[in-house]
Protein backbone atom coordinates (compact mmCIF):
# COMPACT_ATOMS: atom_id res chain seq x y z
CA UNK A 1 215.94 189.63 104.87
CA UNK A 2 213.69 187.71 102.56
CA UNK A 3 210.10 187.09 103.65
CA UNK A 4 209.33 183.46 104.32
CA UNK A 5 206.49 181.90 102.40
CA UNK A 6 204.56 178.73 103.09
CA UNK A 7 205.52 175.93 100.73
CA UNK A 8 202.69 173.56 101.64
CA UNK A 9 200.16 173.24 98.80
CA UNK A 10 196.76 174.71 99.47
CA UNK A 11 193.85 172.33 99.89
CA UNK A 12 191.82 171.98 96.67
CA UNK A 13 188.70 174.18 96.71
CA UNK A 14 185.56 172.22 95.91
CA UNK A 15 181.91 173.06 95.38
CA UNK A 16 179.54 170.38 96.70
CA UNK A 17 176.40 169.60 94.72
CA UNK A 18 173.61 167.59 96.29
CA UNK A 19 170.82 166.38 94.02
CA UNK A 20 167.24 165.89 95.11
CA UNK A 21 164.61 164.28 92.93
CA UNK A 22 161.21 162.71 93.59
CA UNK A 23 162.81 159.54 95.01
CA UNK A 24 164.05 161.19 98.22
CA UNK A 25 162.67 163.68 100.73
CA UNK A 26 164.12 167.11 101.48
CA UNK A 27 165.35 165.79 104.86
CA UNK A 28 167.18 162.87 103.29
CA UNK A 29 168.71 165.13 100.63
CA UNK A 30 169.98 167.45 103.37
CA UNK A 31 171.41 164.51 105.32
CA UNK A 32 173.19 163.17 102.23
CA UNK A 33 174.59 166.66 101.54
CA UNK A 34 175.92 166.85 105.11
CA UNK A 35 177.48 163.43 104.64
CA UNK A 36 179.15 164.56 101.41
CA UNK A 37 180.62 167.51 103.32
CA UNK A 38 181.95 165.05 105.92
CA UNK A 39 183.65 163.04 103.18
CA UNK A 40 185.22 166.23 101.79
CA UNK A 41 186.49 167.27 105.24
CA UNK A 42 187.96 163.81 105.80
CA UNK A 43 190.06 164.41 102.67
CA UNK A 44 190.96 167.90 103.97
CA UNK A 45 189.32 169.56 100.99
CA UNK A 46 188.48 173.26 101.17
CA UNK A 47 184.71 173.61 100.72
CA UNK A 48 184.09 176.77 98.70
CA UNK A 49 180.31 176.41 98.70
CA UNK A 50 177.47 173.95 98.36
CA UNK A 51 173.96 173.65 97.01
CA UNK A 52 171.16 171.10 96.86
CA UNK A 53 169.64 171.13 93.39
CA UNK A 54 165.99 170.08 93.08
CA UNK A 55 166.01 168.05 89.86
CA UNK A 56 162.68 168.03 88.03
CA UNK A 57 163.98 167.39 84.53
CA UNK A 58 166.10 164.27 84.03
CA UNK A 59 168.70 164.90 81.34
CA UNK A 60 171.26 162.14 80.74
CA UNK A 61 173.85 164.68 79.62
CA UNK A 62 174.20 166.31 83.04
CA UNK A 63 171.76 164.46 85.28
CA UNK A 64 169.65 167.62 85.29
CA UNK A 65 168.36 170.19 82.81
CA UNK A 66 170.96 172.19 80.86
CA UNK A 67 169.74 175.45 82.40
CA UNK A 68 170.17 174.14 85.95
CA UNK A 69 173.56 172.74 84.98
CA UNK A 70 174.77 176.09 83.65
CA UNK A 71 173.51 177.84 86.79
CA UNK A 72 175.30 175.37 89.06
CA UNK A 73 178.55 175.63 87.10
CA UNK A 74 178.42 179.45 87.32
CA UNK A 75 177.95 179.31 91.11
CA UNK A 76 180.91 176.97 91.48
CA UNK A 77 183.10 179.27 89.39
CA UNK A 78 181.95 182.36 91.29
CA UNK A 79 182.91 180.64 94.57
CA UNK A 80 186.42 180.07 93.26
CA UNK A 81 186.09 176.28 93.20
CA UNK A 82 188.48 174.14 91.20
CA UNK A 83 186.24 171.09 91.25
CA UNK A 84 182.51 170.28 91.50
CA UNK A 85 181.76 167.22 93.62
CA UNK A 86 178.39 165.54 93.12
CA UNK A 87 176.52 163.42 95.64
CA UNK A 88 175.38 161.09 92.86
CA UNK A 89 177.48 158.79 90.72
CA UNK A 90 178.67 160.40 87.48
CA UNK A 91 179.10 158.28 84.40
CA UNK A 92 182.36 158.86 82.48
CA UNK A 93 180.47 160.80 79.80
CA UNK A 94 178.67 162.96 82.39
CA UNK A 95 181.99 163.73 84.04
CA UNK A 96 183.39 164.83 80.69
CA UNK A 97 180.28 166.93 79.95
CA UNK A 98 180.47 168.74 83.30
CA UNK A 99 184.16 169.50 82.85
CA UNK A 100 183.52 170.85 79.35
CA UNK A 101 180.62 172.99 80.63
CA UNK A 102 182.38 174.42 83.69
CA UNK A 103 186.02 174.43 82.65
CA UNK A 104 186.97 172.84 85.99
CA UNK A 105 187.20 169.23 87.10
CA UNK A 106 184.21 167.16 88.21
CA UNK A 107 184.09 164.29 90.70
CA UNK A 108 181.46 162.25 92.47
CA UNK A 109 180.76 160.68 95.85
CA UNK A 110 182.30 157.40 94.71
CA UNK A 111 185.63 159.02 93.94
CA UNK A 112 185.78 160.71 97.35
CA UNK A 113 185.07 157.45 99.18
CA UNK A 114 187.65 155.57 97.11
CA UNK A 115 190.25 158.26 97.80
CA UNK A 116 189.57 158.05 101.53
CA UNK A 117 189.99 154.29 101.46
CA UNK A 118 193.25 154.62 99.50
CA UNK A 119 194.61 157.27 101.89
CA UNK A 120 193.75 155.23 104.99
CA UNK A 121 194.95 151.83 103.79
CA UNK A 122 197.75 150.81 106.16
CA UNK A 123 198.08 147.04 105.81
CA UNK A 124 198.92 145.03 102.71
CA UNK A 125 195.35 143.71 102.50
CA UNK A 126 193.75 147.16 102.69
CA UNK A 127 196.25 148.46 100.15
CA UNK A 128 195.37 145.69 97.69
CA UNK A 129 191.66 146.31 98.10
CA UNK A 130 191.98 150.08 97.77
CA UNK A 131 194.11 149.77 94.63
CA UNK A 132 191.58 147.38 93.09
CA UNK A 133 188.73 149.82 93.80
CA UNK A 134 190.73 152.69 92.27
CA UNK A 135 191.49 150.76 89.08
CA UNK A 136 187.92 149.50 88.66
CA UNK A 137 186.74 153.11 88.96
CA UNK A 138 189.42 154.47 86.63
CA UNK A 139 189.22 151.88 83.84
CA UNK A 140 186.05 153.20 82.09
CA UNK A 141 187.39 156.77 82.47
CA UNK A 142 190.69 156.23 80.68
CA UNK A 143 189.18 157.18 77.31
CA UNK A 144 188.14 160.54 78.82
CA UNK A 145 191.82 161.22 79.55
CA UNK A 146 192.89 160.47 75.99
CA UNK A 147 190.10 162.48 74.37
CA UNK A 148 191.39 165.55 76.22
CA UNK A 149 194.95 164.76 75.15
CA UNK A 150 193.96 164.50 71.49
CA UNK A 151 192.19 167.88 71.68
CA UNK A 152 195.27 169.54 73.15
CA UNK A 153 197.42 168.19 70.33
CA UNK A 154 195.16 169.76 67.75
CA UNK A 155 194.18 166.58 65.89
CA UNK A 156 197.24 166.33 63.59
CA UNK A 157 197.62 163.41 61.25
CA UNK A 158 198.42 160.25 63.22
CA UNK A 159 197.43 161.68 66.61
CA UNK A 160 194.18 159.80 66.88
CA UNK A 161 195.66 156.50 65.85
CA UNK A 162 198.63 156.78 68.23
CA UNK A 163 196.31 157.90 71.01
CA UNK A 164 194.06 154.89 70.54
CA UNK A 165 197.08 152.57 70.55
CA UNK A 166 198.34 154.07 73.80
CA UNK A 167 194.83 153.91 75.27
CA UNK A 168 194.45 150.22 74.44
CA UNK A 169 197.90 149.52 75.87
CA UNK A 170 197.02 151.25 79.13
CA UNK A 171 193.65 149.48 79.31
CA UNK A 172 195.37 146.14 78.84
CA UNK A 173 197.88 146.95 81.62
CA UNK A 174 195.08 148.07 83.96
CA UNK A 175 193.06 144.89 83.27
CA UNK A 176 196.16 142.79 83.89
CA UNK A 177 196.80 144.53 87.23
CA UNK A 178 193.13 144.07 88.19
CA UNK A 179 193.50 140.34 87.57
CA UNK A 180 196.66 140.22 89.70
CA UNK A 181 195.00 142.10 92.54
CA UNK A 182 191.96 139.83 92.51
CA UNK A 183 194.25 136.80 92.74
CA UNK A 184 196.18 138.29 95.67
CA UNK A 185 192.97 139.26 97.46
CA UNK A 186 191.64 135.72 96.94
CA UNK A 187 194.82 134.43 98.63
CA UNK A 188 194.01 136.71 101.58
CA UNK A 189 190.44 135.38 101.67
CA UNK A 190 191.77 131.84 101.68
CA UNK A 191 194.00 132.64 104.66
CA UNK A 192 191.00 134.15 106.47
CA UNK A 193 188.95 131.02 105.86
CA UNK A 194 191.74 128.89 107.35
CA UNK A 195 191.89 131.15 110.42
CA UNK A 196 188.12 130.96 110.82
CA UNK A 197 188.16 127.16 110.64
CA UNK A 198 190.83 127.10 113.34
CA UNK A 199 188.66 129.30 115.58
CA UNK A 200 185.68 127.06 114.92
CA UNK A 201 187.67 123.97 115.95
CA UNK A 202 188.65 125.73 119.15
CA UNK A 203 185.01 126.55 119.83
CA UNK A 204 185.75 130.26 120.31
CA UNK A 205 182.71 132.40 119.42
CA UNK A 206 183.30 135.44 117.23
CA UNK A 207 181.45 138.72 117.75
CA UNK A 208 181.73 141.28 114.93
CA UNK A 209 181.04 144.95 115.56
CA UNK A 210 179.24 146.43 112.57
CA UNK A 211 177.65 149.78 111.93
CA UNK A 212 177.55 153.01 110.01
CA UNK A 213 180.85 154.81 109.60
CA UNK A 214 181.75 157.00 112.60
CA UNK A 215 179.14 155.36 114.84
CA UNK A 216 181.81 154.53 117.41
CA UNK A 217 182.62 150.89 116.58
CA UNK A 218 186.33 151.25 117.29
CA UNK A 219 185.64 153.07 120.56
CA UNK A 220 183.26 150.32 121.70
CA UNK A 221 185.69 147.61 120.55
CA UNK A 222 188.33 149.31 122.65
CA UNK A 223 186.01 149.54 125.68
CA UNK A 224 185.03 145.86 125.46
CA UNK A 225 188.51 144.47 124.88
CA UNK A 226 190.83 146.98 126.52
CA UNK A 227 192.77 147.26 123.28
CA UNK A 228 194.58 150.37 122.12
CA UNK A 229 193.05 150.52 118.64
CA UNK A 230 193.14 153.93 117.00
CA UNK A 231 190.01 156.03 117.44
CA UNK A 232 189.34 159.05 115.23
CA UNK A 233 186.33 161.28 114.73
CA UNK A 234 186.49 160.84 110.96
CA UNK A 235 184.69 158.77 108.37
CA UNK A 236 186.22 155.34 107.65
CA UNK A 237 188.77 155.54 110.46
CA UNK A 238 188.92 151.71 110.42
CA UNK A 239 189.57 149.78 107.21
CA UNK A 240 191.16 146.57 108.45
CA UNK A 241 189.30 144.20 110.74
CA UNK A 242 190.93 144.21 114.17
CA UNK A 243 190.41 141.03 116.21
CA UNK A 244 190.95 140.82 119.99
CA UNK A 245 190.39 137.86 122.30
CA UNK A 246 188.66 138.48 125.65
CA UNK A 247 188.44 135.95 128.48
CA UNK A 248 185.22 135.96 130.54
CA UNK A 249 184.40 134.03 133.73
CA UNK A 250 182.21 130.99 133.09
CA UNK A 251 180.40 128.52 135.35
CA UNK A 252 182.26 126.78 138.21
CA UNK A 253 185.24 129.06 137.92
CA UNK A 254 185.88 128.23 134.26
CA UNK A 255 186.82 130.79 131.61
CA UNK A 256 185.27 131.37 128.19
CA UNK A 257 186.97 133.22 125.35
CA UNK A 258 185.25 135.58 122.90
CA UNK A 259 186.87 137.15 119.85
CA UNK A 260 185.70 140.69 119.06
CA UNK A 261 186.27 141.92 115.52
CA UNK A 262 186.05 145.58 114.53
CA UNK A 263 184.98 145.99 110.89
CA UNK A 264 184.90 148.71 108.25
CA UNK A 265 181.98 151.10 108.54
CA UNK A 266 179.05 151.12 106.13
CA UNK A 267 177.69 154.14 104.29
CA UNK A 268 174.80 154.89 101.97
CA UNK A 269 175.57 154.66 98.26
CA UNK A 270 178.74 152.70 98.90
CA UNK A 271 180.43 152.24 95.51
CA UNK A 272 179.89 148.77 94.09
CA UNK A 273 183.60 148.60 93.31
CA UNK A 274 184.34 148.97 97.00
CA UNK A 275 181.79 146.36 98.01
CA UNK A 276 183.48 143.92 95.63
CA UNK A 277 187.02 144.93 96.56
CA UNK A 278 186.43 144.81 100.32
CA UNK A 279 184.27 141.70 100.32
CA UNK A 280 187.00 139.70 102.06
CA UNK A 281 187.00 142.27 104.87
CA UNK A 282 183.22 142.51 105.08
CA UNK A 283 183.00 138.71 105.21
CA UNK A 284 184.20 138.96 108.80
CA UNK A 285 180.65 140.04 109.61
CA UNK A 286 179.06 137.27 107.54
CA UNK A 287 181.15 134.60 109.31
CA UNK A 288 180.59 135.83 112.88
CA UNK A 289 178.54 133.94 115.48
CA UNK A 290 176.88 137.15 116.66
CA UNK A 291 176.82 140.79 115.58
CA UNK A 292 176.81 143.95 117.65
CA UNK A 293 175.22 146.68 115.57
CA UNK A 294 176.73 149.93 116.84
CA UNK A 295 174.30 152.77 116.24
CA UNK A 296 174.97 156.43 117.02
CA UNK A 297 172.03 157.20 119.34
CA UNK A 298 172.69 160.95 119.10
CA UNK A 299 172.36 161.00 115.30
CA UNK A 300 168.98 162.39 114.15
CA UNK A 301 169.23 160.13 111.09
CA UNK A 302 169.84 156.98 113.17
CA UNK A 303 166.86 155.11 111.70
CA UNK A 304 168.09 155.65 108.13
CA UNK A 305 171.61 154.64 109.22
CA UNK A 306 170.21 151.49 110.81
CA UNK A 307 168.33 150.53 107.64
CA UNK A 308 171.47 150.99 105.55
CA UNK A 309 173.51 148.70 107.81
CA UNK A 310 170.82 146.01 107.91
CA UNK A 311 170.45 146.13 104.11
CA UNK A 312 174.21 145.70 103.61
CA UNK A 313 174.26 142.80 106.07
CA UNK A 314 171.44 141.17 104.11
CA UNK A 315 173.42 141.59 100.89
CA UNK A 316 176.43 139.94 102.52
CA UNK A 317 174.39 136.95 103.60
CA UNK A 318 174.59 137.97 107.26
CA UNK A 319 170.92 138.83 107.70
CA UNK A 320 170.16 135.74 109.83
CA UNK A 321 173.04 136.07 112.29
CA UNK A 322 171.91 136.93 115.87
CA UNK A 323 172.22 140.67 116.40
CA UNK A 324 172.35 143.03 119.37
CA UNK A 325 171.97 146.78 118.88
CA UNK A 326 174.32 148.94 120.94
CA UNK A 327 172.87 152.46 121.12
CA UNK A 328 176.17 154.29 121.45
CA UNK A 329 176.94 157.89 122.52
CA UNK A 330 174.03 158.06 125.00
CA UNK A 331 176.22 160.39 127.07
CA UNK A 332 175.08 163.02 124.56
CA UNK A 333 171.40 162.33 125.39
CA UNK A 334 169.23 162.71 128.43
CA UNK A 335 168.43 159.64 130.56
CA UNK A 336 164.77 159.62 129.55
CA UNK A 337 165.58 159.86 125.84
CA UNK A 338 168.02 156.95 126.12
CA UNK A 339 165.35 154.83 127.84
CA UNK A 340 162.85 155.63 125.07
CA UNK A 341 165.37 154.57 122.44
CA UNK A 342 165.93 151.22 124.15
CA UNK A 343 162.17 150.70 123.84
CA UNK A 344 162.26 151.54 120.13
CA UNK A 345 165.02 148.98 119.56
CA UNK A 346 163.97 145.81 121.45
CA UNK A 347 166.83 143.84 122.96
CA UNK A 348 169.20 146.79 122.65
CA UNK A 349 171.61 148.31 125.14
CA UNK A 350 172.08 152.03 125.64
CA UNK A 351 175.84 152.51 126.03
CA UNK A 352 178.58 155.08 125.96
CA UNK A 353 181.90 153.72 124.76
CA UNK A 354 183.48 156.99 125.84
CA UNK A 355 182.67 156.66 129.54
CA UNK A 356 181.87 152.89 129.55
CA UNK A 357 178.25 153.47 130.52
CA UNK A 358 175.85 150.54 129.98
CA UNK A 359 178.53 147.94 129.19
CA UNK A 360 177.23 145.56 131.87
CA UNK A 361 173.85 145.35 130.13
CA UNK A 362 175.56 144.80 126.79
CA UNK A 363 177.67 141.98 128.25
CA UNK A 364 174.54 140.36 129.73
CA UNK A 365 172.73 140.44 126.40
CA UNK A 366 175.79 139.07 124.64
CA UNK A 367 176.30 136.19 127.08
CA UNK A 368 172.63 135.23 126.90
CA UNK A 369 172.72 135.14 123.10
CA UNK A 370 175.91 133.07 123.11
CA UNK A 371 174.70 130.97 126.07
CA UNK A 372 177.98 131.40 127.89
């Protein structure tokens, strides 16, 4: 009897490289490295090893000195990695230089985030936005692909010319598809604007839940609305804004409706291509009447997470929208620590979406802000 073998492909083995220079502290570098590991796990990558490199010498070829680069490449190879993933953005030339140095592939934080978005895109809108982000990232790297192809062919007469012709053809096709995607996404934005105008005419206030990825926005959205939205303990579990209408008792037995929208999570060093591609989705926050900033109270880096979210909101033109901070996951903290945090974030509510703790206070704050 023949022995059965697994046919499923093994997860790619990657070596994670965090970079620390004078612009960030050791604590922030460690937090970013942990976040990079979370991105890799979300893609089910096999982490062969990791290291935070203290960069003292800035070298445009590798982003660090050549000696440090050689040392890092050797460690990745010794760990059996097939790819080095960097926490900083790699230019196309740096990516090529690292692959030449190490003999294995090189990727960066941007590529991981874009891959996660592409893998999790379920609706037509998310699919369009993810494809646009992929093509914008890939376009300047197409020449890298064709340089490698020319080398493999040995540089015979006519190879370079035919390669350049094929490269220009592919670039033209990619640019054409980018134009088509932008037009389709603009159609989606137009439909969203029409829907928002209809809500405005009906006088229904909109509350958008915003926050760092994996802070518990979907869980809180579910607790507030009673919806059955998917909840996962992974980065970027929600890509498409999910809107739910909730009816609340008003004065003299009347009822008031509120629309709660769950939005895509923010993250530090979000690729500019994704900000552009997902602007129609992120605009849900900019067009809301009030924001609930969901912050993971149990996260030691909560202050840095909070600053990132507020900065992104400012960039989106949503910095002046009334905001309530929901300090989520307080079930993981002691009662005294939760009370101290509420003092550190004035006008906040300590809540647990998991066990629905503190929701009454959150509702009270929300109704006062909206004057329901």
